[in-house]
Amino acid sequence: MESKKNELDELVREELGDEPSQEAKDYARELYEKYRLPATPPEETAPGEDT
């Protein structure tokens, strides 16, 4: 979980500048939690299918 927080903080800094306000970071985190896509498992191929 901590790595996700660090990644999000880095993305916010890239978009908003060196050190965004705490309000901006909180808002970005809120949007991330609301709109993030669920993790999808890797697709497996059925026997006999070409990859």
Protein backbone atom coordinates (compact mmCIF):
# COMPACT_ATOMS: atom_id res chain seq x y z
CA MET A 1 0.00 0.00 0.00
CA GLU A 2 2.83 2.37 0.82
CA SER A 3 4.31 1.94 -2.68
CA LYS A 4 0.96 2.90 -4.25
CA LYS A 5 0.92 6.06 -2.11
CA ASN A 6 4.47 6.93 -3.20
CA GLU A 7 3.62 6.32 -6.86
CA LEU A 8 0.56 8.55 -6.61
CA ASP A 9 2.56 11.29 -4.90
CA GLU A 10 5.13 11.14 -7.73
CA LEU A 11 2.40 11.45 -10.37
CA VAL A 12 0.92 14.46 -8.59
CA ARG A 13 4.34 16.14 -8.43
CA GLU A 14 4.85 15.53 -12.15
CA GLU A 15 1.52 17.15 -12.99
CA LEU A 16 1.42 19.99 -10.46
CA GLY A 17 5.04 20.86 -9.92
CA ASP A 18 7.72 20.18 -7.36
CA GLU A 19 5.68 20.07 -4.14
CA PRO A 20 1.89 20.32 -4.45
CA SER A 21 -0.27 21.35 -1.52
CA GLN A 22 -1.68 18.72 0.81
CA GLU A 23 -5.13 19.58 -0.52
CA ALA A 24 -4.03 18.78 -4.08
CA LYS A 25 -2.49 15.47 -2.98
CA ASP A 26 -5.63 14.51 -1.06
CA TYR A 27 -7.83 15.35 -4.04
CA ALA A 28 -5.64 13.34 -6.40
CA ARG A 29 -5.75 10.37 -4.03
CA GLU A 30 -9.54 10.66 -3.80
CA LEU A 31 -9.84 10.61 -7.59
CA TYR A 32 -7.44 7.69 -7.85
CA GLU A 33 -9.44 5.63 -5.35
CA LYS A 34 -12.73 6.50 -7.06
CA TYR A 35 -11.72 5.80 -10.66
CA ARG A 36 -8.95 3.21 -10.51
CA LEU A 37 -9.47 0.11 -12.59
CA PRO A 38 -9.61 -3.24 -10.85
CA ALA A 39 -6.53 -5.43 -11.17
CA THR A 40 -6.94 -7.93 -13.95
CA PRO A 41 -5.31 -11.36 -13.91
CA PRO A 42 -2.99 -12.18 -16.82
CA GLU A 43 -4.76 -13.77 -19.74
CA GLU A 44 -4.10 -17.45 -20.24
CA THR A 45 -4.27 -19.12 -23.62
CA ALA A 46 -6.25 -22.29 -24.10
CA PRO A 47 -4.35 -25.42 -25.15
CA GLY A 48 -3.85 -25.47 -28.88
CA GLU A 49 -4.15 -21.71 -29.34
CA ASP A 50 -1.32 -19.83 -31.00
CA THR A 51 0.12 -16.89 -29.12
